[in-house]
N, C-alpha and C. Protein backbone atom coordinates (compact mmCIF):
# COMPACT_ATOMS: atom_id res chain seq x y z
N MET A 1 -45.65 -78.45 -76.16
CA MET A 1 -45.18 -79.17 -74.91
C MET A 1 -46.20 -79.13 -73.80
N SER A 2 -46.66 -80.44 -73.37
CA SER A 2 -47.62 -80.53 -72.40
C SER A 2 -47.27 -80.20 -71.07
N ALA A 3 -47.98 -79.66 -70.17
CA ALA A 3 -47.59 -79.32 -68.89
C ALA A 3 -47.66 -80.84 -68.00
N GLN A 4 -46.82 -80.74 -67.04
CA GLN A 4 -46.43 -81.92 -66.16
C GLN A 4 -47.90 -82.05 -65.41
N LYS A 5 -48.32 -83.22 -65.14
CA LYS A 5 -49.55 -83.52 -64.45
C LYS A 5 -49.49 -83.39 -62.96
N SER A 6 -48.20 -83.80 -62.64
CA SER A 6 -48.14 -83.60 -61.17
C SER A 6 -46.45 -83.89 -60.88
N GLU A 7 -46.27 -83.64 -59.64
CA GLU A 7 -44.69 -83.85 -59.19
C GLU A 7 -44.48 -85.57 -59.28
N ALA A 8 -45.52 -86.30 -59.04
CA ALA A 8 -45.40 -87.74 -59.16
C ALA A 8 -45.16 -88.10 -60.65
N SER A 9 -45.72 -87.60 -61.48
CA SER A 9 -45.50 -87.68 -63.04
C SER A 9 -44.02 -87.26 -63.34
N ARG A 10 -43.58 -86.21 -62.68
CA ARG A 10 -42.28 -85.65 -62.86
C ARG A 10 -41.30 -86.57 -62.68
N ILE A 11 -41.51 -87.11 -61.32
CA ILE A 11 -40.41 -87.96 -60.79
C ILE A 11 -40.36 -89.23 -61.61
N LEU A 12 -41.41 -89.67 -62.00
CA LEU A 12 -41.58 -91.16 -62.70
C LEU A 12 -40.75 -90.78 -64.08
N GLY A 13 -41.20 -89.74 -64.57
CA GLY A 13 -40.36 -89.42 -65.98
C GLY A 13 -39.06 -89.31 -65.85
N LEU A 14 -38.45 -88.67 -64.89
CA LEU A 14 -37.16 -88.68 -64.67
C LEU A 14 -36.50 -89.88 -64.41
N ARG A 15 -37.32 -90.76 -63.69
CA ARG A 15 -36.65 -92.32 -63.28
C ARG A 15 -36.46 -93.12 -64.59
N LEU A 16 -37.54 -93.09 -65.42
CA LEU A 16 -37.78 -93.66 -66.76
C LEU A 16 -36.58 -93.11 -67.75
N ARG A 17 -36.42 -91.91 -67.81
CA ARG A 17 -35.42 -91.17 -68.68
C ARG A 17 -33.95 -91.60 -68.08
N ARG A 18 -33.72 -91.57 -67.00
CA ARG A 18 -32.49 -91.68 -66.43
C ARG A 18 -32.03 -93.13 -66.78
N ARG A 19 -32.91 -94.28 -66.77
CA ARG A 19 -32.75 -95.39 -66.90
C ARG A 19 -32.51 -95.85 -68.36
N ARG A 20 -33.53 -95.17 -69.12
CA ARG A 20 -33.46 -95.29 -70.55
C ARG A 20 -32.09 -94.92 -71.18
N LEU A 21 -31.59 -93.78 -70.61
CA LEU A 21 -30.29 -93.25 -71.07
C LEU A 21 -29.03 -94.10 -70.63
N ALA A 22 -29.30 -94.43 -69.40
CA ALA A 22 -28.28 -95.33 -69.00
C ALA A 22 -28.17 -96.69 -69.79
N LEU A 23 -29.23 -97.07 -70.20
CA LEU A 23 -29.23 -98.27 -71.18
C LEU A 23 -28.90 -97.87 -72.65
N ASP A 24 -28.68 -96.66 -72.93
CA ASP A 24 -28.40 -96.20 -74.31
C ASP A 24 -29.49 -96.42 -75.28
N LEU A 25 -30.83 -96.28 -74.86
CA LEU A 25 -32.11 -96.46 -75.42
C LEU A 25 -32.65 -95.14 -76.03
N ASN A 26 -33.22 -95.21 -77.12
CA ASN A 26 -34.09 -93.95 -77.54
C ASN A 26 -35.58 -94.18 -77.02
N GLN A 27 -36.29 -93.26 -77.17
CA GLN A 27 -37.61 -93.24 -76.83
C GLN A 27 -38.40 -94.20 -77.63
N GLU A 28 -38.20 -94.13 -79.04
CA GLU A 28 -38.88 -95.11 -79.83
C GLU A 28 -38.34 -96.51 -79.51
N THR A 29 -37.38 -96.75 -79.30
CA THR A 29 -36.89 -98.39 -78.90
C THR A 29 -37.82 -98.78 -77.72
N VAL A 30 -37.75 -97.83 -76.63
CA VAL A 30 -38.43 -98.50 -75.42
C VAL A 30 -40.00 -98.40 -75.70
N ALA A 31 -40.44 -97.41 -76.23
CA ALA A 31 -41.85 -97.62 -76.81
C ALA A 31 -42.30 -98.91 -77.52
N HIS A 32 -41.44 -98.91 -78.70
CA HIS A 32 -41.77 -100.21 -79.54
C HIS A 32 -41.69 -101.46 -78.63
N ARG A 33 -40.70 -101.60 -77.72
CA ARG A 33 -40.31 -102.88 -76.98
C ARG A 33 -41.54 -103.05 -76.00
N ALA A 34 -42.25 -101.88 -75.55
CA ALA A 34 -43.26 -101.87 -74.51
C ALA A 34 -44.74 -102.06 -75.18
N GLY A 35 -44.56 -102.11 -76.49
CA GLY A 35 -45.74 -101.97 -77.12
C GLY A 35 -46.46 -100.61 -77.24
N LEU A 36 -45.96 -99.69 -77.06
CA LEU A 36 -46.65 -98.31 -76.71
C LEU A 36 -46.46 -97.41 -78.08
N ASN A 37 -47.30 -96.45 -78.16
CA ASN A 37 -47.13 -95.32 -79.36
C ASN A 37 -46.09 -94.64 -78.74
N VAL A 38 -45.08 -94.30 -79.62
CA VAL A 38 -43.88 -93.39 -79.31
C VAL A 38 -44.28 -92.16 -78.65
N SER A 39 -45.33 -91.35 -79.43
CA SER A 39 -45.77 -90.02 -78.53
C SER A 39 -46.21 -90.18 -77.28
N ASN A 40 -46.93 -91.29 -77.11
CA ASN A 40 -47.48 -91.54 -75.66
C ASN A 40 -46.28 -91.97 -74.85
N TYR A 41 -45.41 -92.80 -75.11
CA TYR A 41 -44.38 -92.94 -74.36
C TYR A 41 -43.60 -91.44 -73.97
N ALA A 42 -43.22 -90.82 -75.02
CA ALA A 42 -42.35 -89.55 -74.82
C ALA A 42 -43.32 -88.68 -73.85
N ARG A 43 -44.37 -88.75 -73.90
CA ARG A 43 -45.17 -87.71 -72.91
C ARG A 43 -44.87 -88.54 -71.47
N ILE A 44 -44.86 -89.71 -71.24
CA ILE A 44 -44.58 -90.41 -69.94
C ILE A 44 -43.11 -90.14 -69.59
N ASP A 45 -42.16 -90.19 -70.46
CA ASP A 45 -40.72 -89.95 -70.03
C ASP A 45 -40.44 -88.42 -70.09
N ARG A 46 -41.34 -87.52 -70.47
CA ARG A 46 -40.96 -86.04 -69.82
C ARG A 46 -41.75 -85.59 -68.65
N GLY A 47 -42.72 -86.60 -68.23
CA GLY A 47 -43.26 -86.21 -66.92
C GLY A 47 -44.74 -85.64 -67.32
N CYS A 48 -45.12 -85.69 -68.50
CA CYS A 48 -46.38 -85.31 -68.72
C CYS A 48 -47.41 -86.21 -68.93
N GLY A 49 -47.23 -87.57 -68.76
CA GLY A 49 -48.08 -88.57 -69.01
C GLY A 49 -48.46 -89.21 -67.84
N ASN A 50 -49.62 -89.77 -67.59
CA ASN A 50 -50.25 -90.68 -66.68
C ASN A 50 -50.39 -92.18 -67.01
N PRO A 51 -49.26 -92.84 -67.00
CA PRO A 51 -49.43 -94.26 -67.54
C PRO A 51 -50.49 -95.30 -66.72
N THR A 52 -50.86 -96.19 -67.35
CA THR A 52 -51.78 -97.15 -66.69
C THR A 52 -50.71 -98.21 -65.76
N PHE A 53 -51.45 -98.85 -65.00
CA PHE A 53 -50.71 -99.93 -64.29
C PHE A 53 -49.85 -101.10 -65.20
N HIS A 54 -50.72 -101.50 -66.46
CA HIS A 54 -50.14 -102.43 -67.24
C HIS A 54 -48.73 -101.72 -68.05
N THR A 55 -48.94 -100.53 -68.38
CA THR A 55 -48.00 -99.85 -69.04
C THR A 55 -46.74 -99.65 -68.10
N LEU A 56 -47.03 -99.35 -66.66
CA LEU A 56 -45.68 -99.27 -65.87
C LEU A 56 -45.07 -100.71 -65.66
N ILE A 57 -45.77 -101.57 -65.78
CA ILE A 57 -45.16 -102.98 -65.64
C ILE A 57 -44.35 -103.12 -66.78
N ARG A 58 -45.05 -103.02 -68.01
CA ARG A 58 -44.25 -103.18 -69.36
C ARG A 58 -43.04 -102.40 -69.50
N LEU A 59 -43.15 -101.12 -68.99
CA LEU A 59 -41.83 -100.31 -69.07
C LEU A 59 -40.94 -100.66 -68.06
N ALA A 60 -41.12 -101.13 -66.86
CA ALA A 60 -40.36 -101.73 -66.05
C ALA A 60 -39.46 -102.91 -66.50
N GLN A 61 -40.32 -103.66 -67.23
CA GLN A 61 -39.67 -104.95 -67.82
C GLN A 61 -38.88 -104.58 -69.02
N VAL A 62 -39.20 -103.72 -69.82
CA VAL A 62 -38.17 -103.24 -70.83
C VAL A 62 -37.10 -102.55 -70.15
N LEU A 63 -36.89 -101.84 -69.08
CA LEU A 63 -35.85 -101.17 -68.75
C LEU A 63 -35.00 -101.93 -67.83
N GLY A 64 -35.72 -103.27 -67.38
CA GLY A 64 -34.92 -104.24 -66.52
C GLY A 64 -35.05 -103.57 -65.08
N LEU A 65 -36.22 -103.09 -64.79
CA LEU A 65 -36.32 -102.81 -63.27
C LEU A 65 -37.56 -103.43 -62.74
N GLU A 66 -37.85 -103.34 -61.58
CA GLU A 66 -38.99 -103.79 -60.83
C GLU A 66 -39.71 -102.63 -60.86
N PRO A 67 -41.17 -102.85 -61.16
CA PRO A 67 -42.16 -101.80 -60.98
C PRO A 67 -42.01 -100.92 -59.70
N SER A 68 -41.68 -101.57 -58.61
CA SER A 68 -41.57 -100.84 -57.33
C SER A 68 -40.43 -99.89 -57.31
N GLU A 69 -39.46 -99.93 -58.24
CA GLU A 69 -38.31 -99.13 -58.38
C GLU A 69 -38.94 -97.66 -59.06
N LEU A 70 -39.80 -97.74 -59.79
CA LEU A 70 -40.33 -96.58 -60.51
C LEU A 70 -41.36 -95.76 -59.67
N LEU A 71 -41.95 -96.68 -58.63
CA LEU A 71 -42.97 -96.06 -57.75
C LEU A 71 -42.47 -95.68 -56.32
N ALA A 72 -41.17 -96.23 -56.02
CA ALA A 72 -40.46 -95.94 -54.67
C ALA A 72 -40.62 -94.37 -54.13
N ASP A 73 -41.01 -94.35 -52.98
CA ASP A 73 -41.30 -93.18 -52.24
C ASP A 73 -42.04 -92.00 -52.92
N LEU A 74 -43.05 -92.34 -53.84
CA LEU A 74 -44.02 -91.57 -54.30
C LEU A 74 -45.06 -91.34 -53.31
N THR A 75 -45.76 -90.19 -53.07
CA THR A 75 -46.74 -90.11 -51.99
C THR A 75 -47.97 -89.48 -52.56
N VAL A 76 -49.10 -89.56 -51.82
CA VAL A 76 -50.19 -88.83 -52.23
C VAL A 76 -50.09 -87.16 -52.48
N ASP A 77 -49.11 -86.94 -51.46
CA ASP A 77 -48.94 -85.35 -51.32
C ASP A 77 -48.26 -84.91 -52.84
N GLN A 78 -47.82 -85.70 -53.57
CA GLN A 78 -47.10 -85.50 -55.13
C GLN A 78 -48.08 -85.48 -56.20
N LEU A 79 -49.55 -85.90 -55.89
CA LEU A 79 -50.46 -86.09 -56.83
C LEU A 79 -51.32 -84.76 -56.95
N PRO A 80 -51.92 -84.48 -57.97
CA PRO A 80 -52.90 -83.58 -58.19
C PRO A 80 -54.03 -83.52 -57.39
N PRO A 81 -54.76 -82.40 -56.88
CA PRO A 81 -55.99 -82.72 -55.92
C PRO A 81 -56.98 -83.43 -56.57
N THR A 82 -57.89 -84.06 -56.13
CA THR A 82 -58.98 -84.79 -56.52
C THR A 82 -60.11 -83.84 -56.54
N ARG A 83 -61.11 -84.19 -57.32
CA ARG A 83 -62.29 -83.57 -57.58
C ARG A 83 -62.90 -83.31 -56.15
N ASP A 84 -62.92 -84.15 -55.31
CA ASP A 84 -63.45 -84.03 -53.96
C ASP A 84 -62.77 -82.91 -53.14
N ASP A 85 -61.22 -82.94 -53.37
CA ASP A 85 -60.39 -81.84 -52.74
C ASP A 85 -60.85 -80.48 -53.10
N ALA A 86 -61.06 -80.51 -54.48
CA ALA A 86 -61.32 -79.21 -55.08
C ALA A 86 -62.84 -78.63 -54.62
N SER A 87 -63.67 -79.60 -54.42
CA SER A 87 -65.04 -79.27 -53.93
C SER A 87 -64.94 -78.96 -52.55
N ALA A 88 -64.04 -79.57 -51.80
CA ALA A 88 -64.07 -79.16 -50.26
C ALA A 88 -63.36 -77.88 -50.00
N GLY A 89 -62.49 -77.50 -50.98
CA GLY A 89 -61.83 -76.09 -50.94
C GLY A 89 -62.91 -74.93 -51.43
N ALA A 90 -63.78 -75.50 -52.33
CA ALA A 90 -64.76 -74.45 -52.77
C ALA A 90 -65.77 -74.28 -51.55
N LEU A 91 -66.09 -75.29 -50.95
CA LEU A 91 -67.15 -75.13 -49.96
C LEU A 91 -66.79 -74.21 -48.73
N VAL A 92 -65.20 -74.29 -48.56
CA VAL A 92 -64.67 -73.50 -47.44
C VAL A 92 -64.76 -72.21 -47.79
N LEU A 93 -64.69 -71.86 -49.09
CA LEU A 93 -64.69 -70.38 -49.59
C LEU A 93 -66.11 -69.80 -49.68
N VAL A 94 -67.14 -70.54 -49.83
CA VAL A 94 -68.53 -70.02 -49.84
C VAL A 94 -68.91 -69.64 -48.52
């Protein structure tokens, strides 16, 4: 099982999974309806994937949500550090 990419990925996966279960859909059905590979969708649903913009829109449509509902209240603080952030930290340590 892959590790979660970020807190934002974890939250997105939780939102997708809750909605999918509320609609009594399995991962395969959602993936098929969104035109995704089942294993790729499963990674997103578990909070381990990083979906593209187009994928988010497709998933929202399949699940009867607005894309904004999937992204609400997510912040940059919930993302992994960027390469620039890592470089800046390394420079401070040198």
